[in-house]
Amino acid sequence: MAERVLIYNTVADRETIKLGQKLGSVLCKGDVIALAGELGSGKTCFAKGIAIGLGVSPESVITSPSFSLLNEYEGRYKFFHMDAYRLENLSDFVSAGLDEYFYQDGVVAMEWADRWPAILPDWSVKVEFAIVDDRLRKITLSGYHARAVEILNDIEAPCNKNSASSVESLRVMP
């Protein structure tokens, strides 16, 4: 299947959260979101949006699991937010059992997923964050697998009834 790519620009944390929310609203059990980008590029803000889109309570504080490696939240589906930043190598990731979450009844968002891309399931949606300047972020969502393409198509659907808000204004036109 051909790769599907969507590119957005956001200029504030709230826009990054809104885009994550749009993605979260179309996710189902078993979906994996692979987040990549340098420190401060918006990965955790985006994960907050995914949590909101999955129905995690707005009172829940979504934080980076840098030290705990994994935070779990209850929503429409379980949301497993993991962070591989502090792990030295792939064997540390596997020894911690983090790879098992890819195959559980929930949604996974993994920060620093570019460290070991070979471990990611084929159906993962890759989300790359680039810092353009102090405020502007370029966010690229991509995937090859049929499920990843379906997710990306659902984000672009003009009348997505699962989404509380539109991100059309964030879209970068080719």
N, C-alpha and C. Protein backbone atom coordinates (compact mmCIF):
# COMPACT_ATOMS: atom_id res chain seq x y z
N MET A 1 0.85 -1.18 0.00
CA MET A 1 0.00 0.00 0.00
C MET A 1 0.89 1.24 0.00
N ALA A 2 0.47 2.28 -0.67
CA ALA A 2 1.22 3.52 -0.74
C ALA A 2 1.17 4.26 0.59
N GLU A 3 2.24 4.94 0.91
CA GLU A 3 2.30 5.71 2.14
C GLU A 3 1.32 6.89 2.07
N ARG A 4 0.64 7.13 3.17
CA ARG A 4 -0.27 8.28 3.32
C ARG A 4 0.44 9.25 4.24
N VAL A 5 0.50 10.52 3.86
CA VAL A 5 1.20 11.54 4.64
C VAL A 5 0.30 12.77 4.80
N LEU A 6 0.21 13.26 6.02
CA LEU A 6 -0.48 14.51 6.32
C LEU A 6 0.51 15.43 7.02
N ILE A 7 0.51 16.70 6.64
CA ILE A 7 1.43 17.66 7.26
C ILE A 7 0.63 18.83 7.81
N TYR A 8 0.92 19.17 9.06
CA TYR A 8 0.25 20.29 9.73
C TYR A 8 1.30 21.21 10.33
N ASN A 9 0.94 22.47 10.46
CA ASN A 9 1.73 23.43 11.24
C ASN A 9 0.89 23.85 12.43
N THR A 10 1.50 23.92 13.60
CA THR A 10 0.82 24.46 14.78
C THR A 10 1.69 25.58 15.34
N VAL A 11 1.04 26.58 15.91
CA VAL A 11 1.79 27.73 16.43
C VAL A 11 1.59 27.93 17.94
N ALA A 12 0.90 27.00 18.57
CA ALA A 12 0.69 27.10 20.01
C ALA A 12 0.41 25.70 20.55
N ASP A 13 0.69 25.50 21.85
CA ASP A 13 0.42 24.21 22.47
C ASP A 13 -1.02 23.79 22.26
N ARG A 14 -1.96 24.73 22.36
CA ARG A 14 -3.38 24.38 22.24
C ARG A 14 -3.69 23.82 20.86
N GLU A 15 -3.01 24.29 19.82
CA GLU A 15 -3.23 23.75 18.47
C GLU A 15 -2.65 22.34 18.35
N THR A 16 -1.51 22.12 18.99
CA THR A 16 -0.91 20.78 18.98
C THR A 16 -1.81 19.81 19.72
N ILE A 17 -2.35 20.24 20.86
CA ILE A 17 -3.29 19.41 21.63
C ILE A 17 -4.54 19.13 20.79
N LYS A 18 -5.04 20.14 20.10
CA LYS A 18 -6.25 20.00 19.26
C LYS A 18 -6.03 18.97 18.15
N LEU A 19 -4.85 18.99 17.54
CA LEU A 19 -4.54 18.01 16.50
C LEU A 19 -4.46 16.61 17.09
N GLY A 20 -3.82 16.48 18.26
CA GLY A 20 -3.77 15.19 18.94
C GLY A 20 -5.16 14.69 19.29
N GLN A 21 -6.04 15.61 19.70
CA GLN A 21 -7.42 15.26 20.04
C GLN A 21 -8.14 14.71 18.81
N LYS A 22 -7.93 15.35 17.68
CA LYS A 22 -8.53 14.89 16.43
C LYS A 22 -8.08 13.46 16.13
N LEU A 23 -6.79 13.19 16.30
CA LEU A 23 -6.28 11.84 16.08
C LEU A 23 -6.89 10.87 17.10
N GLY A 24 -6.86 11.25 18.38
CA GLY A 24 -7.40 10.39 19.42
C GLY A 24 -8.85 10.01 19.21
N SER A 25 -9.61 10.91 18.61
CA SER A 25 -11.05 10.66 18.40
C SER A 25 -11.33 9.56 17.39
N VAL A 26 -10.35 9.21 16.56
CA VAL A 26 -10.57 8.18 15.53
C VAL A 26 -9.83 6.87 15.84
N LEU A 27 -9.16 6.82 16.98
CA LEU A 27 -8.37 5.63 17.32
C LEU A 27 -9.24 4.55 17.96
N CYS A 28 -8.76 3.30 17.81
CA CYS A 28 -9.44 2.13 18.37
C CYS A 28 -8.42 1.27 19.12
N LYS A 29 -8.94 0.27 19.84
CA LYS A 29 -8.07 -0.67 20.54
C LYS A 29 -7.03 -1.23 19.58
N GLY A 30 -5.80 -1.30 20.04
CA GLY A 30 -4.73 -1.87 19.23
C GLY A 30 -3.95 -0.87 18.41
N ASP A 31 -4.42 0.37 18.31
CA ASP A 31 -3.70 1.37 17.53
C ASP A 31 -2.44 1.82 18.27
N VAL A 32 -1.39 2.09 17.49
CA VAL A 32 -0.11 2.52 18.04
C VAL A 32 0.31 3.80 17.33
N ILE A 33 0.64 4.81 18.13
CA ILE A 33 1.09 6.09 17.59
C ILE A 33 2.56 6.27 17.99
N ALA A 34 3.42 6.40 17.00
CA ALA A 34 4.86 6.49 17.20
C ALA A 34 5.29 7.95 17.09
N LEU A 35 5.63 8.56 18.21
CA LEU A 35 5.98 9.98 18.26
C LEU A 35 7.49 10.16 18.21
N ALA A 36 7.96 11.07 17.35
CA ALA A 36 9.39 11.32 17.20
C ALA A 36 9.63 12.81 17.04
N GLY A 37 10.69 13.29 17.66
CA GLY A 37 11.06 14.70 17.56
C GLY A 37 11.95 15.08 18.73
N GLU A 38 12.67 16.16 18.56
CA GLU A 38 13.60 16.56 19.62
C GLU A 38 12.86 17.06 20.86
N LEU A 39 13.61 17.22 21.93
CA LEU A 39 13.05 17.75 23.18
C LEU A 39 12.34 19.07 22.92
N GLY A 40 11.15 19.22 23.48
CA GLY A 40 10.41 20.47 23.36
C GLY A 40 9.68 20.66 22.05
N SER A 41 9.57 19.60 21.26
CA SER A 41 8.94 19.76 19.94
C SER A 41 7.42 19.57 19.97
N GLY A 42 6.87 19.08 21.08
CA GLY A 42 5.41 18.97 21.18
C GLY A 42 4.86 17.57 21.37
N LYS A 43 5.71 16.59 21.57
CA LYS A 43 5.25 15.20 21.69
C LYS A 43 4.27 15.01 22.86
N THR A 44 4.62 15.55 24.03
CA THR A 44 3.75 15.38 25.20
C THR A 44 2.45 16.16 25.05
N CYS A 45 2.50 17.36 24.48
CA CYS A 45 1.26 18.13 24.22
C CYS A 45 0.35 17.33 23.29
N PHE A 46 0.92 16.75 22.28
CA PHE A 46 0.16 15.95 21.33
C PHE A 46 -0.47 14.74 22.03
N ALA A 47 0.30 14.09 22.90
CA ALA A 47 -0.21 12.95 23.66
C ALA A 47 -1.37 13.37 24.56
N LYS A 48 -1.30 14.58 25.12
CA LYS A 48 -2.42 15.11 25.91
C LYS A 48 -3.68 15.18 25.04
N GLY A 49 -3.52 15.64 23.82
CA GLY A 49 -4.64 15.71 22.90
C GLY A 49 -5.20 14.34 22.56
N ILE A 50 -4.31 13.37 22.34
CA ILE A 50 -4.77 12.00 22.08
C ILE A 50 -5.63 11.52 23.25
N ALA A 51 -5.15 11.76 24.46
CA ALA A 51 -5.90 11.35 25.66
C ALA A 51 -7.29 11.97 25.69
N ILE A 52 -7.37 13.27 25.40
CA ILE A 52 -8.67 13.95 25.37
C ILE A 52 -9.57 13.33 24.31
N GLY A 53 -9.00 13.07 23.12
CA GLY A 53 -9.77 12.45 22.04
C GLY A 53 -10.25 11.05 22.38
N LEU A 54 -9.53 10.37 23.27
CA LEU A 54 -9.92 9.03 23.70
C LEU A 54 -10.90 9.06 24.87
N GLY A 55 -11.24 10.26 25.32
CA GLY A 55 -12.21 10.37 26.40
C GLY A 55 -11.62 10.31 27.80
N VAL A 56 -10.31 10.47 27.92
CA VAL A 56 -9.70 10.54 29.25
C VAL A 56 -10.23 11.81 29.91
N SER A 57 -10.55 11.73 31.18
CA SER A 57 -11.12 12.86 31.90
C SER A 57 -10.24 14.10 31.76
N PRO A 58 -10.86 15.25 31.47
CA PRO A 58 -10.09 16.49 31.37
C PRO A 58 -9.39 16.85 32.69
N GLU A 59 -9.85 16.28 33.80
CA GLU A 59 -9.21 16.53 35.09
C GLU A 59 -7.91 15.73 35.25
N SER A 60 -7.73 14.70 34.42
CA SER A 60 -6.50 13.91 34.48
C SER A 60 -5.33 14.76 34.00
N VAL A 61 -4.25 14.66 34.73
CA VAL A 61 -3.04 15.38 34.35
C VAL A 61 -2.20 14.44 33.50
N ILE A 62 -2.03 14.79 32.24
CA ILE A 62 -1.24 13.97 31.33
C ILE A 62 0.19 14.51 31.34
N THR A 63 1.11 13.70 31.82
CA THR A 63 2.51 14.13 31.90
C THR A 63 3.39 13.18 31.12
N SER A 64 4.58 13.64 30.83
CA SER A 64 5.55 12.79 30.14
C SER A 64 5.99 11.68 31.08
N PRO A 65 5.96 10.43 30.62
CA PRO A 65 6.39 9.33 31.47
C PRO A 65 7.90 9.07 31.39
N SER A 66 8.70 10.12 31.28
CA SER A 66 10.15 9.98 31.13
C SER A 66 10.78 9.13 32.23
N PHE A 67 10.34 9.31 33.45
CA PHE A 67 10.95 8.58 34.56
C PHE A 67 10.20 7.29 34.88
N SER A 68 8.91 7.26 34.69
CA SER A 68 8.12 6.06 34.98
C SER A 68 8.07 5.11 33.78
N LEU A 69 8.45 5.57 32.61
CA LEU A 69 8.43 4.85 31.34
C LEU A 69 7.03 4.68 30.76
N LEU A 70 6.01 4.54 31.61
CA LEU A 70 4.66 4.31 31.11
C LEU A 70 3.64 4.90 32.08
N ASN A 71 2.69 5.65 31.52
CA ASN A 71 1.53 6.12 32.27
C ASN A 71 0.30 5.52 31.61
N GLU A 72 -0.64 5.08 32.42
CA GLU A 72 -1.86 4.47 31.92
C GLU A 72 -3.06 5.31 32.34
N TYR A 73 -3.97 5.53 31.40
CA TYR A 73 -5.16 6.35 31.65
C TYR A 73 -6.40 5.61 31.16
N GLU A 74 -7.52 5.86 31.82
CA GLU A 74 -8.79 5.26 31.43
C GLU A 74 -9.58 6.26 30.59
N GLY A 75 -10.07 5.80 29.46
CA GLY A 75 -10.93 6.58 28.58
C GLY A 75 -11.85 5.62 27.86
N ARG A 76 -12.22 5.97 26.64
CA ARG A 76 -13.02 5.07 25.80
C ARG A 76 -12.29 3.73 25.66
N TYR A 77 -10.98 3.79 25.54
CA TYR A 77 -10.07 2.64 25.59
C TYR A 77 -8.97 3.01 26.56
N LYS A 78 -8.26 2.03 27.06
CA LYS A 78 -7.09 2.33 27.88
C LYS A 78 -6.09 3.07 27.00
N PHE A 79 -5.44 4.05 27.59
CA PHE A 79 -4.42 4.82 26.87
C PHE A 79 -3.09 4.60 27.57
N PHE A 80 -2.15 4.00 26.85
CA PHE A 80 -0.81 3.73 27.36
C PHE A 80 0.15 4.74 26.74
N HIS A 81 0.64 5.65 27.56
CA HIS A 81 1.56 6.70 27.11
C HIS A 81 2.95 6.30 27.59
N MET A 82 3.84 5.97 26.66
CA MET A 82 5.18 5.54 27.05
C MET A 82 6.25 6.46 26.50
N ASP A 83 7.40 6.40 27.14
CA ASP A 83 8.51 7.27 26.78
C ASP A 83 9.80 6.46 26.84
N ALA A 84 10.49 6.35 25.72
CA ALA A 84 11.72 5.55 25.64
C ALA A 84 12.99 6.39 25.79
N TYR A 85 12.85 7.67 26.13
CA TYR A 85 14.01 8.58 26.16
C TYR A 85 15.13 8.10 27.07
N ARG A 86 14.81 7.62 28.24
CA ARG A 86 15.84 7.27 29.23
C ARG A 86 16.37 5.85 29.10
N LEU A 87 15.83 5.09 28.17
CA LEU A 87 16.30 3.72 27.98
C LEU A 87 17.56 3.72 27.12
N GLU A 88 18.50 2.91 27.51
CA GLU A 88 19.80 2.87 26.81
C GLU A 88 19.74 2.14 25.47
N ASN A 89 19.00 1.03 25.45
CA ASN A 89 18.98 0.22 24.24
C ASN A 89 17.69 -0.57 24.13
N LEU A 90 17.53 -1.24 23.03
CA LEU A 90 16.31 -1.99 22.75
C LEU A 90 16.08 -3.08 23.80
N SER A 91 17.14 -3.71 24.27
CA SER A 91 16.96 -4.78 25.27
C SER A 91 16.36 -4.22 26.56
N ASP A 92 16.68 -2.98 26.91
CA ASP A 92 16.06 -2.35 28.08
C ASP A 92 14.55 -2.17 27.85
N PHE A 93 14.19 -1.79 26.65
CA PHE A 93 12.77 -1.60 26.29
C PHE A 93 12.02 -2.92 26.42
N VAL A 94 12.60 -3.98 25.87
CA VAL A 94 11.97 -5.30 25.90
C VAL A 94 11.97 -5.85 27.33
N SER A 95 13.06 -5.69 28.06
CA SER A 95 13.14 -6.17 29.45
C SER A 95 12.08 -5.51 30.33
N ALA A 96 11.76 -4.27 30.05
CA ALA A 96 10.73 -3.55 30.81
C ALA A 96 9.33 -4.00 30.42
N GLY A 97 9.22 -4.82 29.37
CA GLY A 97 7.92 -5.33 28.92
C GLY A 97 7.09 -4.32 28.15
N LEU A 98 7.71 -3.23 27.72
CA LEU A 98 6.96 -2.18 27.05
C LEU A 98 6.42 -2.63 25.69
N ASP A 99 7.14 -3.51 25.01
CA ASP A 99 6.69 -3.99 23.70
C ASP A 99 5.37 -4.76 23.80
N GLU A 100 5.07 -5.33 24.96
CA GLU A 100 3.83 -6.08 25.15
C GLU A 100 2.60 -5.18 25.07
N TYR A 101 2.75 -3.91 25.37
CA TYR A 101 1.62 -2.99 25.33
C TYR A 101 1.11 -2.76 23.91
N PHE A 102 1.96 -3.00 22.91
CA PHE A 102 1.54 -2.83 21.52
C PHE A 102 0.42 -3.81 21.17
N TYR A 103 0.28 -4.89 21.93
CA TYR A 103 -0.65 -5.95 21.59
C TYR A 103 -1.75 -6.12 22.66
N GLN A 104 -1.96 -5.10 23.48
CA GLN A 104 -3.01 -5.14 24.50
C GLN A 104 -4.25 -4.40 24.02
N ASP A 105 -5.30 -4.48 24.81
CA ASP A 105 -6.57 -3.83 24.47
C ASP A 105 -6.54 -2.37 24.87
N GLY A 106 -5.82 -1.59 24.13
CA GLY A 106 -5.74 -0.17 24.40
C GLY A 106 -5.06 0.53 23.25
N VAL A 107 -4.79 1.80 23.44
CA VAL A 107 -4.09 2.62 22.45
C VAL A 107 -2.74 3.01 23.05
N VAL A 108 -1.69 2.91 22.26
CA VAL A 108 -0.34 3.25 22.72
C VAL A 108 0.14 4.50 21.98
N ALA A 109 0.68 5.44 22.73
CA ALA A 109 1.44 6.55 22.15
C ALA A 109 2.84 6.44 22.74
N MET A 110 3.83 6.27 21.88
CA MET A 110 5.21 6.08 22.33
C MET A 110 6.07 7.27 21.92
N GLU A 111 6.59 7.99 22.92
CA GLU A 111 7.52 9.08 22.64
C GLU A 111 8.91 8.50 22.41
N TRP A 112 9.66 9.13 21.54
CA TRP A 112 11.01 8.71 21.13
C TRP A 112 10.96 7.37 20.39
N ALA A 113 9.90 7.17 19.62
CA ALA A 113 9.71 5.92 18.88
C ALA A 113 10.74 5.74 17.78
N ASP A 114 11.42 6.81 17.39
CA ASP A 114 12.41 6.71 16.32
C ASP A 114 13.71 6.04 16.80
N ARG A 115 13.84 5.80 18.08
CA ARG A 115 15.05 5.15 18.60
C ARG A 115 15.16 3.72 18.11
N TRP A 116 14.04 2.99 18.09
CA TRP A 116 14.01 1.59 17.66
C TRP A 116 12.79 1.35 16.78
N PRO A 117 12.77 1.89 15.59
CA PRO A 117 11.57 1.77 14.74
C PRO A 117 11.23 0.33 14.36
N ALA A 118 12.22 -0.55 14.36
CA ALA A 118 11.96 -1.94 13.96
C ALA A 118 11.03 -2.67 14.92
N ILE A 119 10.93 -2.19 16.15
CA ILE A 119 10.07 -2.86 17.15
C ILE A 119 8.60 -2.46 16.99
N LEU A 120 8.34 -1.39 16.29
CA LEU A 120 6.97 -0.89 16.15
C LEU A 120 6.15 -1.80 15.24
N PRO A 121 4.88 -2.01 15.59
CA PRO A 121 4.01 -2.80 14.69
C PRO A 121 3.85 -2.10 13.34
N ASP A 122 3.63 -2.88 12.31
CA ASP A 122 3.48 -2.33 10.96
C ASP A 122 2.35 -1.31 10.87
N TRP A 123 1.31 -1.48 11.69
CA TRP A 123 0.12 -0.63 11.61
C TRP A 123 0.28 0.71 12.35
N SER A 124 1.45 0.98 12.87
CA SER A 124 1.68 2.22 13.60
C SER A 124 1.51 3.45 12.70
N VAL A 125 1.00 4.51 13.31
CA VAL A 125 0.99 5.82 12.67
C VAL A 125 2.20 6.56 13.21
N LYS A 126 3.04 7.02 12.32
CA LYS A 126 4.23 7.77 12.74
C LYS A 126 3.91 9.25 12.75
N VAL A 127 4.31 9.92 13.84
CA VAL A 127 4.08 11.36 13.96
C VAL A 127 5.42 12.00 14.28
N GLU A 128 5.92 12.80 13.33
CA GLU A 128 7.21 13.46 13.48
C GLU A 128 7.01 14.94 13.74
N PHE A 129 7.72 15.45 14.74
CA PHE A 129 7.63 16.84 15.15
C PHE A 129 8.94 17.55 14.80
N ALA A 130 8.82 18.69 14.15
CA ALA A 130 10.00 19.50 13.82
C ALA A 130 9.78 20.91 14.37
N ILE A 131 10.79 21.42 15.06
CA ILE A 131 10.74 22.79 15.57
C ILE A 131 11.17 23.71 14.45
N VAL A 132 10.25 24.56 13.99
CA VAL A 132 10.56 25.50 12.92
C VAL A 132 11.12 26.80 13.53
N ASP A 133 10.47 27.27 14.59
CA ASP A 133 10.98 28.42 15.35
C ASP A 133 10.42 28.34 16.77
N ASP A 134 10.53 29.40 17.54
CA ASP A 134 10.11 29.38 18.95
C ASP A 134 8.69 28.88 19.15
N ARG A 135 7.81 29.18 18.22
CA ARG A 135 6.40 28.79 18.36
C ARG A 135 5.94 27.77 17.34
N LEU A 136 6.44 27.84 16.14
CA LEU A 136 5.93 27.04 15.03
C LEU A 136 6.49 25.61 15.05
N ARG A 137 5.57 24.65 14.93
CA ARG A 137 5.92 23.24 14.83
C ARG A 137 5.35 22.66 13.55
N LYS A 138 6.15 21.89 12.86
CA LYS A 138 5.69 21.14 11.69
C LYS A 138 5.47 19.71 12.16
N ILE A 139 4.25 19.22 11.97
CA ILE A 139 3.88 17.89 12.45
C ILE A 139 3.48 17.05 11.24
N THR A 140 4.22 15.95 11.02
CA THR A 140 3.99 15.07 9.88
C THR A 140 3.47 13.73 10.38
N LEU A 141 2.29 13.35 9.92
CA LEU A 141 1.69 12.07 10.26
C LEU A 141 1.79 11.18 9.03
N SER A 142 2.21 9.93 9.22
CA SER A 142 2.36 9.04 8.07
C SER A 142 2.14 7.59 8.45
N GLY A 143 1.86 6.79 7.43
CA GLY A 143 1.71 5.36 7.62
C GLY A 143 1.51 4.65 6.30
N TYR A 144 1.91 3.37 6.26
CA TYR A 144 1.77 2.53 5.06
C TYR A 144 0.66 1.50 5.20
N HIS A 145 0.56 0.93 6.37
CA HIS A 145 -0.36 -0.17 6.61
C HIS A 145 -1.81 0.28 6.41
N ALA A 146 -2.67 -0.65 6.03
CA ALA A 146 -4.07 -0.32 5.78
C ALA A 146 -4.72 0.37 6.98
N ARG A 147 -4.43 -0.08 8.21
CA ARG A 147 -5.04 0.55 9.39
C ARG A 147 -4.51 1.97 9.57
N ALA A 148 -3.22 2.18 9.37
CA ALA A 148 -2.65 3.52 9.50
C ALA A 148 -3.26 4.47 8.47
N VAL A 149 -3.40 4.01 7.25
CA VAL A 149 -4.00 4.82 6.18
C VAL A 149 -5.46 5.15 6.52
N GLU A 150 -6.18 4.17 7.07
CA GLU A 150 -7.56 4.39 7.47
C GLU A 150 -7.64 5.49 8.54
N ILE A 151 -6.76 5.44 9.51
CA ILE A 151 -6.73 6.47 10.57
C ILE A 151 -6.47 7.84 9.96
N LEU A 152 -5.50 7.92 9.09
CA LEU A 152 -5.15 9.21 8.48
C LEU A 152 -6.28 9.72 7.59
N ASN A 153 -6.94 8.83 6.88
CA ASN A 153 -8.11 9.25 6.08
C ASN A 153 -9.23 9.76 6.98
N ASP A 154 -9.43 9.10 8.13
CA ASP A 154 -10.48 9.52 9.06
C ASP A 154 -10.20 10.91 9.63
N ILE A 155 -8.95 11.23 9.84
CA ILE A 155 -8.59 12.57 10.34
C ILE A 155 -8.99 13.63 9.33
N GLU A 156 -8.82 13.33 8.07
CA GLU A 156 -9.11 14.28 7.01
C GLU A 156 -10.58 14.34 6.62
N ALA A 157 -11.38 13.38 7.10
CA ALA A 157 -12.80 13.36 6.75
C ALA A 157 -13.47 14.65 7.19
N PRO A 158 -14.17 15.33 6.26
CA PRO A 158 -14.76 16.63 6.59
C PRO A 158 -15.87 16.58 7.63
N CYS A 159 -16.54 15.47 7.75
CA CYS A 159 -17.67 15.37 8.69
C CYS A 159 -17.44 14.27 9.70
N ASN A 160 -16.25 14.20 10.27
CA ASN A 160 -15.94 13.19 11.25
C ASN A 160 -16.79 13.42 12.50
N LYS A 161 -17.78 12.58 12.71
CA LYS A 161 -18.70 12.76 13.83
C LYS A 161 -18.08 12.42 15.17
N ASN A 162 -16.93 11.72 15.17
CA ASN A 162 -16.27 11.37 16.42
C ASN A 162 -15.45 12.51 16.98
N SER A 163 -15.24 13.55 16.20
CA SER A 163 -14.36 14.62 16.63
C SER A 163 -15.15 15.83 17.10
N ALA A 164 -14.68 16.40 18.20
CA ALA A 164 -15.34 17.59 18.76
C ALA A 164 -14.91 18.86 18.05
N SER A 165 -13.79 18.81 17.34
CA SER A 165 -13.29 20.03 16.71
C SER A 165 -12.56 19.72 15.42
N SER A 166 -12.43 20.70 14.58
CA SER A 166 -11.77 20.56 13.30
C SER A 166 -10.36 21.10 13.37
N VAL A 167 -9.46 20.50 12.61
CA VAL A 167 -8.10 21.02 12.53
C VAL A 167 -7.81 21.49 11.12
N GLU A 168 -8.86 21.73 10.35
CA GLU A 168 -8.68 22.14 8.96
C GLU A 168 -7.78 23.36 8.85
N SER A 169 -7.90 24.29 9.76
CA SER A 169 -7.11 25.51 9.69
C SER A 169 -5.63 25.24 9.93
N LEU A 170 -5.30 24.07 10.46
CA LEU A 170 -3.90 23.75 10.74
C LEU A 170 -3.21 23.09 9.54
N ARG A 171 -3.96 22.64 8.57
CA ARG A 171 -3.43 21.88 7.44
C ARG A 171 -2.49 22.72 6.60
N VAL A 172 -1.35 22.15 6.28
CA VAL A 172 -0.41 22.79 5.36
C VAL A 172 -0.75 22.31 3.97
N MET A 173 -1.07 23.21 3.10
CA MET A 173 -1.43 22.81 1.75
C MET A 173 -0.18 22.57 0.92
N PRO A 174 -0.20 21.56 0.05
CA PRO A 174 0.98 21.24 -0.77
C PRO A 174 1.35 22.35 -1.73
